[in-house]
Amino acid sequence: MVVTPVMANGLGICHGGYIFMLADCALAAASNSYPVTAVGQQCTVTYISPGRLGARLSAEAREVHRQGRNGIYEVHIRDDAGQAIAEFRGHVRLIKALRAGVTDT
């Protein structure tokens, strides 16, 4: 994700919501790499360094635990220089596939 001016907050750096969104998308991709649907249950983010305008941010997700109906994932956000921007931890709940917008848990 390239940080553009529209993503900047009042300080001229990337708004934390965009960084959270990038991490959440990585969580979704990693946790749904199995044939069972996973949805976010609880997430936390720690911002380490600012995402500067023009920087390319990347997210790398790693499965920490997956058993029964629960999963835990870590997501590391870095800029194009390799500097840590944020650390994200997401918990997911495994559910039956969504049907017509209704979950059957």
PDB file of N, CA and C in Angstrom:
ATOM      1  N   MET A   1       0.852  -1.161   0.000  1.00  0.00           N
ATOM      2  CA  MET A   1       0.000   0.000   0.000  1.00  0.00           C
ATOM      3  C   MET A   1       0.903   1.230   0.000  1.00  0.00           C
ATOM      4  N   VAL A   2       0.749   2.075  -0.985  1.00  0.00           N
ATOM      5  CA  VAL A   2       1.513   3.320  -1.043  1.00  0.00           C
ATOM      6  C   VAL A   2       0.734   4.395  -0.293  1.00  0.00           C
ATOM      7  N   VAL A   3       1.402   5.081   0.630  1.00  0.00           N
ATOM      8  CA  VAL A   3       0.764   6.130   1.423  1.00  0.00           C
ATOM      9  C   VAL A   3       0.622   7.375   0.555  1.00  0.00           C
ATOM     10  N   THR A   4      -0.623   7.770   0.298  1.00  0.00           N
ATOM     11  CA  THR A   4      -0.924   8.942  -0.524  1.00  0.00           C
ATOM     12  C   THR A   4      -1.408  10.089   0.365  1.00  0.00           C
ATOM     13  N   PRO A   5      -1.442  11.321  -0.162  1.00  0.00           N
ATOM     14  CA  PRO A   5      -1.895  12.462   0.641  1.00  0.00           C
ATOM     15  C   PRO A   5      -3.300  12.295   1.219  1.00  0.00           C
ATOM     16  N   VAL A   6      -4.189  11.609   0.512  1.00  0.00           N
ATOM     17  CA  VAL A   6      -5.547  11.418   1.020  1.00  0.00           C
ATOM     18  C   VAL A   6      -5.553  10.537   2.270  1.00  0.00           C
ATOM     19  N   MET A   7      -4.503   9.763   2.487  1.00  0.00           N
ATOM     20  CA  MET A   7      -4.392   8.881   3.659  1.00  0.00           C
ATOM     21  C   MET A   7      -3.772   9.583   4.865  1.00  0.00           C
ATOM     22  N   ALA A   8      -3.326  10.823   4.688  1.00  0.00           N
ATOM     23  CA  ALA A   8      -2.603  11.527   5.750  1.00  0.00           C
ATOM     24  C   ALA A   8      -3.559  12.079   6.804  1.00  0.00           C
ATOM     25  N   ASN A   9      -3.075  12.071   8.042  1.00  0.00           N
ATOM     26  CA  ASN A   9      -3.827  12.690   9.130  1.00  0.00           C
ATOM     27  C   ASN A   9      -3.376  14.147   9.278  1.00  0.00           C
ATOM     28  N   GLY A  10      -3.776  14.788  10.340  1.00  0.00           N
ATOM     29  CA  GLY A  10      -3.428  16.192  10.557  1.00  0.00           C
ATOM     30  C   GLY A  10      -1.944  16.454  10.735  1.00  0.00           C
ATOM     31  N   LEU A  11      -1.162  15.427  11.017  1.00  0.00           N
ATOM     32  CA  LEU A  11       0.284  15.580  11.180  1.00  0.00           C
ATOM     33  C   LEU A  11       1.045  15.318   9.881  1.00  0.00           C
ATOM     34  N   GLY A  12       0.312  14.964   8.815  1.00  0.00           N
ATOM     35  CA  GLY A  12       0.950  14.713   7.534  1.00  0.00           C
ATOM     36  C   GLY A  12       1.564  13.329   7.406  1.00  0.00           C
ATOM     37  N   ILE A  13       1.158  12.398   8.263  1.00  0.00           N
ATOM     38  CA  ILE A  13       1.622  11.015   8.184  1.00  0.00           C
ATOM     39  C   ILE A  13       0.411  10.108   7.990  1.00  0.00           C
ATOM     40  N   CYS A  14       0.653   8.856   7.693  1.00  0.00           N
ATOM     41  CA  CYS A  14      -0.444   7.928   7.416  1.00  0.00           C
ATOM     42  C   CYS A  14      -1.358   7.777   8.632  1.00  0.00           C
ATOM     43  N   HIS A  15      -2.640   7.946   8.415  1.00  0.00           N
ATOM     44  CA  HIS A  15      -3.641   7.754   9.473  1.00  0.00           C
ATOM     45  C   HIS A  15      -3.605   6.289   9.914  1.00  0.00           C
ATOM     46  N   GLY A  16      -3.691   6.056  11.208  1.00  0.00           N
ATOM     47  CA  GLY A  16      -3.624   4.706  11.750  1.00  0.00           C
ATOM     48  C   GLY A  16      -4.697   3.780  11.219  1.00  0.00           C
ATOM     49  N   GLY A  17      -5.841   4.318  10.830  1.00  0.00           N
ATOM     50  CA  GLY A  17      -6.917   3.495  10.286  1.00  0.00           C
ATOM     51  C   GLY A  17      -6.512   2.790   9.001  1.00  0.00           C
ATOM     52  N   TYR A  18      -5.706   3.440   8.174  1.00  0.00           N
ATOM     53  CA  TYR A  18      -5.240   2.807   6.942  1.00  0.00           C
ATOM     54  C   TYR A  18      -4.249   1.684   7.248  1.00  0.00           C
ATOM     55  N   ILE A  19      -3.390   1.915   8.237  1.00  0.00           N
ATOM     56  CA  ILE A  19      -2.433   0.880   8.635  1.00  0.00           C
ATOM     57  C   ILE A  19      -3.184  -0.315   9.207  1.00  0.00           C
ATOM     58  N   PHE A  20      -4.202  -0.042  10.030  1.00  0.00           N
ATOM     59  CA  PHE A  20      -5.021  -1.118  10.587  1.00  0.00           C
ATOM     60  C   PHE A  20      -5.717  -1.890   9.465  1.00  0.00           C
ATOM     61  N   MET A  21      -6.239  -1.171   8.474  1.00  0.00           N
ATOM     62  CA  MET A  21      -6.932  -1.817   7.357  1.00  0.00           C
ATOM     63  C   MET A  21      -5.986  -2.745   6.590  1.00  0.00           C
ATOM     64  N   LEU A  22      -4.755  -2.294   6.355  1.00  0.00           N
ATOM     65  CA  LEU A  22      -3.773  -3.135   5.662  1.00  0.00           C
ATOM     66  C   LEU A  22      -3.505  -4.408   6.459  1.00  0.00           C
ATOM     67  N   ALA A  23      -3.318  -4.266   7.758  1.00  0.00           N
ATOM     68  CA  ALA A  23      -3.069  -5.433   8.612  1.00  0.00           C
ATOM     69  C   ALA A  23      -4.279  -6.362   8.641  1.00  0.00           C
ATOM     70  N   ASP A  24      -5.468  -5.797   8.704  1.00  0.00           N
ATOM     71  CA  ASP A  24      -6.691  -6.601   8.735  1.00  0.00           C
ATOM     72  C   ASP A  24      -6.868  -7.382   7.434  1.00  0.00           C
ATOM     73  N   CYS A  25      -6.506  -6.783   6.306  1.00  0.00           N
ATOM     74  CA  CYS A  25      -6.576  -7.493   5.022  1.00  0.00           C
ATOM     75  C   CYS A  25      -5.587  -8.658   4.988  1.00  0.00           C
ATOM     76  N   ALA A  26      -4.392  -8.462   5.553  1.00  0.00           N
ATOM     77  CA  ALA A  26      -3.413  -9.555   5.626  1.00  0.00           C
ATOM     78  C   ALA A  26      -3.921 -10.662   6.536  1.00  0.00           C
ATOM     79  N   LEU A  27      -4.555 -10.278   7.644  1.00  0.00           N
ATOM     80  CA  LEU A  27      -5.157 -11.265   8.543  1.00  0.00           C
ATOM     81  C   LEU A  27      -6.209 -12.078   7.804  1.00  0.00           C
ATOM     82  N   ALA A  28      -7.069 -11.416   7.049  1.00  0.00           N
ATOM     83  CA  ALA A  28      -8.126 -12.111   6.308  1.00  0.00           C
ATOM     84  C   ALA A  28      -7.533 -13.077   5.288  1.00  0.00           C
ATOM     85  N   ALA A  29      -6.505 -12.648   4.576  1.00  0.00           N
ATOM     86  CA  ALA A  29      -5.890 -13.512   3.570  1.00  0.00           C
ATOM     87  C   ALA A  29      -5.258 -14.742   4.220  1.00  0.00           C
ATOM     88  N   ALA A  30      -4.539 -14.542   5.310  1.00  0.00           N
ATOM     89  CA  ALA A  30      -3.866 -15.662   5.971  1.00  0.00           C
ATOM     90  C   ALA A  30      -4.861 -16.616   6.623  1.00  0.00           C
ATOM     91  N   SER A  31      -5.829 -16.078   7.322  1.00  0.00           N
ATOM     92  CA  SER A  31      -6.754 -16.941   8.070  1.00  0.00           C
ATOM     93  C   SER A  31      -7.759 -17.644   7.169  1.00  0.00           C
ATOM     94  N   ASN A  32      -7.966 -17.119   5.963  1.00  0.00           N
ATOM     95  CA  ASN A  32      -8.892 -17.758   5.031  1.00  0.00           C
ATOM     96  C   ASN A  32      -8.165 -18.546   3.945  1.00  0.00           C
ATOM     97  N   SER A  33      -6.932 -18.949   4.239  1.00  0.00           N
ATOM     98  CA  SER A  33      -6.186 -19.792   3.293  1.00  0.00           C
ATOM     99  C   SER A  33      -6.545 -21.263   3.455  1.00  0.00           C
ATOM    100  N   TYR A  34      -7.494 -21.543   4.320  1.00  0.00           N
ATOM    101  CA  TYR A  34      -8.023 -22.892   4.543  1.00  0.00           C
ATOM    102  C   TYR A  34      -9.442 -22.955   3.965  1.00  0.00           C
ATOM    103  N   PRO A  35     -10.016 -24.141   3.814  1.00  0.00           N
ATOM    104  CA  PRO A  35     -11.374 -24.231   3.276  1.00  0.00           C
ATOM    105  C   PRO A  35     -12.472 -23.860   4.275  1.00  0.00           C
ATOM    106  N   VAL A  36     -12.121 -23.443   5.492  1.00  0.00           N
ATOM    107  CA  VAL A  36     -13.106 -23.037   6.495  1.00  0.00           C
ATOM    108  C   VAL A  36     -13.062 -21.518   6.621  1.00  0.00           C
ATOM    109  N   THR A  37     -14.213 -20.869   6.594  1.00  0.00           N
ATOM    110  CA  THR A  37     -14.292 -19.417   6.676  1.00  0.00           C
ATOM    111  C   THR A  37     -13.872 -18.919   8.051  1.00  0.00           C
ATOM    112  N   ALA A  38     -13.020 -17.887   8.063  1.00  0.00           N
ATOM    113  CA  ALA A  38     -12.580 -17.253   9.305  1.00  0.00           C
ATOM    114  C   ALA A  38     -13.001 -15.788   9.285  1.00  0.00           C
ATOM    115  N   VAL A  39     -13.482 -15.307  10.415  1.00  0.00           N
ATOM    116  CA  VAL A  39     -13.843 -13.891  10.553  1.00  0.00           C
ATOM    117  C   VAL A  39     -13.106 -13.325  11.759  1.00  0.00           C
ATOM    118  N   GLY A  40     -12.784 -12.041  11.673  1.00  0.00           N
ATOM    119  CA  GLY A  40     -12.098 -11.382  12.773  1.00  0.00           C
ATOM    120  C   GLY A  40     -12.959 -11.380  14.025  1.00  0.00           C
ATOM    121  N   GLN A  41     -12.324 -11.680  15.142  1.00  0.00           N
ATOM    122  CA  GLN A  41     -13.027 -11.708  16.423  1.00  0.00           C
ATOM    123  C   GLN A  41     -12.527 -10.589  17.326  1.00  0.00           C
ATOM    124  N   GLN A  42     -11.231 -10.365  17.334  1.00  0.00           N
ATOM    125  CA  GLN A  42     -10.640  -9.326  18.159  1.00  0.00           C
ATOM    126  C   GLN A  42      -9.254  -9.025  17.622  1.00  0.00           C
ATOM    127  N   CYS A  43      -8.909  -7.751  17.531  1.00  0.00           N
ATOM    128  CA  CYS A  43      -7.610  -7.361  16.990  1.00  0.00           C
ATOM    129  C   CYS A  43      -7.029  -6.214  17.805  1.00  0.00           C
ATOM    130  N   THR A  44      -5.704  -6.179  17.882  1.00  0.00           N
ATOM    131  CA  THR A  44      -5.002  -5.063  18.499  1.00  0.00           C
ATOM    132  C   THR A  44      -3.865  -4.644  17.582  1.00  0.00           C
ATOM    133  N   VAL A  45      -3.518  -3.368  17.654  1.00  0.00           N
ATOM    134  CA  VAL A  45      -2.412  -2.859  16.851  1.00  0.00           C
ATOM    135  C   VAL A  45      -1.553  -1.959  17.728  1.00  0.00           C
ATOM    136  N   THR A  46      -0.253  -2.058  17.533  1.00  0.00           N
ATOM    137  CA  THR A  46       0.691  -1.161  18.182  1.00  0.00           C
ATOM    138  C   THR A  46       1.440  -0.433  17.078  1.00  0.00           C
ATOM    139  N   TYR A  47       1.331   0.896  17.073  1.00  0.00           N
ATOM    140  CA  TYR A  47       2.023   1.713  16.078  1.00  0.00           C
ATOM    141  C   TYR A  47       3.430   1.995  16.578  1.00  0.00           C
ATOM    142  N   ILE A  48       4.418   1.743  15.737  1.00  0.00           N
ATOM    143  CA  ILE A  48       5.818   1.857  16.128  1.00  0.00           C
ATOM    144  C   ILE A  48       6.464   3.097  15.520  1.00  0.00           C
ATOM    145  N   SER A  49       6.314   3.267  14.218  1.00  0.00           N
ATOM    146  CA  SER A  49       6.891   4.402  13.491  1.00  0.00           C
ATOM    147  C   SER A  49       5.842   4.951  12.540  1.00  0.00           C
ATOM    148  N   PRO A  50       5.945   6.228  12.173  1.00  0.00           N
ATOM    149  CA  PRO A  50       4.955   6.785  11.248  1.00  0.00           C
ATOM    150  C   PRO A  50       5.138   6.255   9.828  1.00  0.00           C
ATOM    151  N   GLY A  51       4.021   6.080   9.149  1.00  0.00           N
ATOM    152  CA  GLY A  51       4.041   5.763   7.724  1.00  0.00           C
ATOM    153  C   GLY A  51       4.122   7.084   6.973  1.00  0.00           C
ATOM    154  N   ARG A  52       5.225   7.338   6.345  1.00  0.00           N
ATOM    155  CA  ARG A  52       5.470   8.610   5.655  1.00  0.00           C
ATOM    156  C   ARG A  52       4.781   8.651   4.292  1.00  0.00           C
ATOM    157  N   LEU A  53       4.443   9.849   3.852  1.00  0.00           N
ATOM    158  CA  LEU A  53       3.849  10.019   2.524  1.00  0.00           C
ATOM    159  C   LEU A  53       4.796   9.459   1.466  1.00  0.00           C
ATOM    160  N   GLY A  54       4.236   8.709   0.532  1.00  0.00           N
ATOM    161  CA  GLY A  54       5.017   8.104  -0.541  1.00  0.00           C
ATOM    162  C   GLY A  54       5.625   6.761  -0.202  1.00  0.00           C
ATOM    163  N   ALA A  55       5.617   6.396   1.074  1.00  0.00           N
ATOM    164  CA  ALA A  55       6.193   5.106   1.463  1.00  0.00           C
ATOM    165  C   ALA A  55       5.290   3.966   1.012  1.00  0.00           C
ATOM    166  N   ARG A  56       5.919   2.859   0.653  1.00  0.00           N
ATOM    167  CA  ARG A  56       5.170   1.651   0.308  1.00  0.00           C
ATOM    168  C   ARG A  56       5.169   0.757   1.543  1.00  0.00           C
ATOM    169  N   LEU A  57       3.975   0.539   2.112  1.00  0.00           N
ATOM    170  CA  LEU A  57       3.846  -0.301   3.295  1.00  0.00           C
ATOM    171  C   LEU A  57       3.448  -1.712   2.874  1.00  0.00           C
ATOM    172  N   SER A  58       4.026  -2.695   3.535  1.00  0.00           N
ATOM    173  CA  SER A  58       3.677  -4.090   3.247  1.00  0.00           C
ATOM    174  C   SER A  58       3.327  -4.785   4.546  1.00  0.00           C
ATOM    175  N   ALA A  59       2.508  -5.805   4.421  1.00  0.00           N
ATOM    176  CA  ALA A  59       2.061  -6.574   5.581  1.00  0.00           C
ATOM    177  C   ALA A  59       2.429  -8.034   5.379  1.00  0.00           C
ATOM    178  N   GLU A  60       2.946  -8.636   6.441  1.00  0.00           N
ATOM    179  CA  GLU A  60       3.261 -10.060   6.418  1.00  0.00           C
ATOM    180  C   GLU A  60       2.564 -10.713   7.607  1.00  0.00           C
ATOM    181  N   ALA A  61       1.690 -11.676   7.307  1.00  0.00           N
ATOM    182  CA  ALA A  61       0.923 -12.358   8.356  1.00  0.00           C
ATOM    183  C   ALA A  61       1.520 -13.721   8.634  1.00  0.00           C
ATOM    184  N   ARG A  62       1.478 -14.103   9.916  1.00  0.00           N
ATOM    185  CA  ARG A  62       1.998 -15.402  10.346  1.00  0.00           C
ATOM    186  C   ARG A  62       0.996 -16.035  11.303  1.00  0.00           C
ATOM    187  N   GLU A  63       0.661 -17.270  11.035  1.00  0.00           N
ATOM    188  CA  GLU A  63      -0.240 -18.003  11.926  1.00  0.00           C
ATOM    189  C   GLU A  63       0.513 -18.405  13.191  1.00  0.00           C
ATOM    190  N   VAL A  64      -0.039 -18.045  14.338  1.00  0.00           N
ATOM    191  CA  VAL A  64       0.556 -18.387  15.629  1.00  0.00           C
ATOM    192  C   VAL A  64      -0.098 -19.636  16.196  1.00  0.00           C
ATOM    193  N   HIS A  65      -1.413 -19.713  16.050  1.00  0.00           N
ATOM    194  CA  HIS A  65      -2.178 -20.826  16.630  1.00  0.00           C
ATOM    195  C   HIS A  65      -3.476 -20.981  15.849  1.00  0.00           C
ATOM    196  N   ARG A  66      -3.857 -22.211  15.605  1.00  0.00           N
ATOM    197  CA  ARG A  66      -5.148 -22.503  14.972  1.00  0.00           C
ATOM    198  C   ARG A  66      -5.591 -23.867  15.465  1.00  0.00           C
ATOM    199  N   GLN A  67      -6.694 -23.884  16.191  1.00  0.00           N
ATOM    200  CA  GLN A  67      -7.210 -25.133  16.732  1.00  0.00           C
ATOM    201  C   GLN A  67      -8.699 -24.971  17.000  1.00  0.00           C
ATOM    202  N   GLY A  68      -9.439 -26.015  16.737  1.00  0.00           N
ATOM    203  CA  GLY A  68     -10.883 -25.945  16.960  1.00  0.00           C
ATOM    204  C   GLY A  68     -11.494 -24.840  16.115  1.00  0.00           C
ATOM    205  N   ARG A  69     -12.155 -23.904  16.762  1.00  0.00           N
ATOM    206  CA  ARG A  69     -12.816 -22.806  16.039  1.00  0.00           C
ATOM    207  C   ARG A  69     -12.095 -21.472  16.199  1.00  0.00           C
ATOM    208  N   ASN A  70     -10.842 -21.513  16.653  1.00  0.00           N
ATOM    209  CA  ASN A  70     -10.110 -20.280  16.925  1.00  0.00           C
ATOM    210  C   ASN A  70      -8.771 -20.242  16.220  1.00  0.00           C
ATOM    211  N   GLY A  71      -8.327 -19.042  15.899  1.00  0.00           N
ATOM    212  CA  GLY A  71      -7.009 -18.852  15.318  1.00  0.00           C
ATOM    213  C   GLY A  71      -6.424 -17.539  15.804  1.00  0.00           C
ATOM    214  N   ILE A  72      -5.096 -17.496  15.893  1.00  0.00           N
ATOM    215  CA  ILE A  72      -4.383 -16.282  16.284  1.00  0.00           C
ATOM    216  C   ILE A  72      -3.300 -16.029  15.246  1.00  0.00           C
ATOM    217  N   TYR A  73      -3.195 -14.778  14.815  1.00  0.00           N
ATOM    218  CA  TYR A  73      -2.245 -14.393  13.780  1.00  0.00           C
ATOM    219  C   TYR A  73      -1.502 -13.129  14.184  1.00  0.00           C
ATOM    220  N   GLU A  74      -0.237 -13.048  13.791  1.00  0.00           N
ATOM    221  CA  GLU A  74       0.560 -11.842  13.948  1.00  0.00           C
ATOM    222  C   GLU A  74       0.768 -11.251  12.564  1.00  0.00           C
ATOM    223  N   VAL A  75       0.671  -9.936  12.476  1.00  0.00           N
ATOM    224  CA  VAL A  75       0.916  -9.251  11.208  1.00  0.00           C
ATOM    225  C   VAL A  75       1.957  -8.169  11.465  1.00  0.00           C
ATOM    226  N   HIS A  76       3.002  -8.173  10.662  1.00  0.00           N
ATOM    227  CA  HIS A  76       4.066  -7.179  10.759  1.00  0.00           C
ATOM    228  C   HIS A  76       3.924  -6.221   9.579  1.00  0.00           C
ATOM    229  N   ILE A  77       3.845  -4.924   9.876  1.00  0.00           N
ATOM    230  CA  ILE A  77       3.767  -3.891   8.842  1.00  0.00           C
ATOM    231  C   ILE A  77       5.126  -3.209   8.771  1.00  0.00           C
ATOM    232  N   ARG A  78       5.687  -3.135   7.562  1.00  0.00           N
ATOM    233  CA  ARG A  78       6.980  -2.491   7.350  1.00  0.00           C
ATOM    234  C   ARG A  78       6.893  -1.549   6.160  1.00  0.00           C
ATOM    235  N   ASP A  79       7.806  -0.573   6.135  1.00  0.00           N
ATOM    236  CA  ASP A  79       7.863   0.297   4.963  1.00  0.00           C
ATOM    237  C   ASP A  79       8.861  -0.270   3.961  1.00  0.00           C
ATOM    238  N   ASP A  80       9.032   0.423   2.836  1.00  0.00           N
ATOM    239  CA  ASP A  80       9.894  -0.094   1.769  1.00  0.00           C
ATOM    240  C   ASP A  80      11.368  -0.119   2.155  1.00  0.00           C
ATOM    241  N   ALA A  81      11.749   0.547   3.235  1.00  0.00           N
ATOM    242  CA  ALA A  81      13.123   0.499   3.734  1.00  0.00           C
ATOM    243  C   ALA A  81      13.300  -0.618   4.765  1.00  0.00           C
ATOM    244  N   GLY A  82      12.201  -1.333   5.074  1.00  0.00           N
ATOM    245  CA  GLY A  82      12.266  -2.420   6.045  1.00  0.00           C
ATOM    246  C   GLY A  82      12.034  -1.992   7.481  1.00  0.00           C
ATOM    247  N   GLN A  83      11.736  -0.709   7.688  1.00  0.00           N
ATOM    248  CA  GLN A  83      11.496  -0.201   9.044  1.00  0.00           C
ATOM    249  C   GLN A  83      10.133  -0.666   9.551  1.00  0.00           C
ATOM    250  N   ALA A  84      10.085  -1.114  10.804  1.00  0.00           N
ATOM    251  CA  ALA A  84       8.825  -1.539  11.419  1.00  0.00           C
ATOM    252  C   ALA A  84       7.909  -0.330  11.588  1.00  0.00           C
ATOM    253  N   ILE A  85       6.680  -0.472  11.104  1.00  0.00           N
ATOM    254  CA  ILE A  85       5.671   0.586  11.218  1.00  0.00           C
ATOM    255  C   ILE A  85       4.653   0.218  12.283  1.00  0.00           C
ATOM    256  N   ALA A  86       4.206  -1.037  12.297  1.00  0.00           N
ATOM    257  CA  ALA A  86       3.204  -1.468  13.277  1.00  0.00           C
ATOM    258  C   ALA A  86       3.254  -2.974  13.464  1.00  0.00           C
ATOM    259  N   GLU A  87       2.782  -3.403  14.617  1.00  0.00           N
ATOM    260  CA  GLU A  87       2.600  -4.825  14.933  1.00  0.00           C
ATOM    261  C   GLU A  87       1.125  -5.021  15.254  1.00  0.00           C
ATOM    262  N   PHE A  88       0.549  -6.059  14.699  1.00  0.00           N
ATOM    263  CA  PHE A  88      -0.887  -6.312  14.782  1.00  0.00           C
ATOM    264  C   PHE A  88      -1.078  -7.757  15.214  1.00  0.00           C
ATOM    265  N   ARG A  89      -2.008  -7.991  16.099  1.00  0.00           N
ATOM    266  CA  ARG A  89      -2.342  -9.359  16.511  1.00  0.00           C
ATOM    267  C   ARG A  89      -3.839  -9.518  16.342  1.00  0.00           C
ATOM    268  N   GLY A  90      -4.231 -10.540  15.584  1.00  0.00           N
ATOM    269  CA  GLY A  90      -5.644 -10.767  15.305  1.00  0.00           C
ATOM    270  C   GLY A  90      -6.100 -12.142  15.723  1.00  0.00           C
ATOM    271  N   HIS A  91      -7.254 -12.192  16.343  1.00  0.00           N
ATOM    272  CA  HIS A  91      -7.896 -13.450  16.716  1.00  0.00           C
ATOM    273  C   HIS A  91      -9.065 -13.655  15.758  1.00  0.00           C
ATOM    274  N   VAL A  92      -9.206 -14.856  15.241  1.00  0.00           N
ATOM    275  CA  VAL A  92     -10.309 -15.156  14.329  1.00  0.00           C
ATOM    276  C   VAL A  92     -11.153 -16.286  14.890  1.00  0.00           C
ATOM    277  N   ARG A  93     -12.382 -16.302  14.419  1.00  0.00           N
ATOM    278  CA  ARG A  93     -13.333 -17.369  14.752  1.00  0.00           C
ATOM    279  C   ARG A  93     -13.639 -18.105  13.461  1.00  0.00           C
ATOM    280  N   LEU A  94     -13.556 -19.410  13.489  1.00  0.00           N
ATOM    281  CA  LEU A  94     -13.852 -20.224  12.311  1.00  0.00           C
ATOM    282  C   LEU A  94     -15.336 -20.553  12.311  1.00  0.00           C
ATOM    283  N   ILE A  95     -15.981 -20.289  11.186  1.00  0.00           N
ATOM    284  CA  ILE A  95     -17.428 -20.473  11.080  1.00  0.00           C
ATOM    285  C   ILE A  95     -17.754 -21.281   9.834  1.00  0.00           C
ATOM    286  N   LYS A  96     -19.001 -21.741   9.765  1.00  0.00           N
ATOM    287  CA  LYS A  96     -19.465 -22.336   8.525  1.00  0.00           C
ATOM    288  C   LYS A  96     -19.588 -21.221   7.495  1.00  0.00           C
ATOM    289  N   ALA A  97     -19.534 -21.563   6.237  1.00  0.00           N
ATOM    290  CA  ALA A  97     -19.552 -20.567   5.159  1.00  0.00           C
ATOM    291  C   ALA A  97     -20.766 -19.654   5.284  1.00  0.00           C
ATOM    292  N   LEU A  98     -20.543 -18.396   4.912  1.00  0.00           N
ATOM    293  CA  LEU A  98     -21.641 -17.430   4.915  1.00  0.00           C
ATOM    294  C   LEU A  98     -22.631 -17.772   3.809  1.00  0.00           C
ATOM    295  N   ARG A  99     -23.915 -17.701   4.148  1.00  0.00           N
ATOM    296  CA  ARG A  99     -24.965 -17.968   3.171  1.00  0.00           C
ATOM    297  C   ARG A  99     -25.966 -16.838   3.227  1.00  0.00           C
ATOM    298  N   ALA A 100     -26.087 -16.135   2.130  1.00  0.00           N
ATOM    299  CA  ALA A 100     -27.052 -15.027   2.020  1.00  0.00           C
ATOM    300  C   ALA A 100     -26.885 -14.023   3.153  1.00  0.00           C
ATOM    301  N   GLY A 101     -25.621 -13.762   3.552  1.00  0.00           N
ATOM    302  CA  GLY A 101     -25.350 -12.774   4.568  1.00  0.00           C
ATOM    303  C   GLY A 101     -25.664 -13.211   5.994  1.00  0.00           C
ATOM    304  N   VAL A 102     -25.961 -14.490   6.202  1.00  0.00           N
ATOM    305  CA  VAL A 102     -26.277 -14.997   7.540  1.00  0.00           C
ATOM    306  C   VAL A 102     -25.248 -16.049   7.911  1.00  0.00           C
ATOM    307  N   THR A 103     -24.734 -15.968   9.128  1.00  0.00           N
ATOM    308  CA  THR A 103     -23.795 -17.000   9.555  1.00  0.00           C
ATOM    309  C   THR A 103     -24.505 -18.097  10.288  1.00  0.00           C
ATOM    310  N   ASP A 104     -24.050 -19.304  10.088  1.00  0.00           N
ATOM    311  CA  ASP A 104     -24.583 -20.471  10.773  1.00  0.00           C
ATOM    312  C   ASP A 104     -23.469 -21.005  11.660  1.00  0.00           C
ATOM    313  N   THR A 105     -23.399 -20.525  12.907  1.00  0.00           N
ATOM    314  CA  THR A 105     -22.273 -20.862  13.776  1.00  0.00           C
ATOM    315  C   THR A 105     -22.558 -22.059  14.643  1.00  0.00           C
TER     316      THR A 105
END
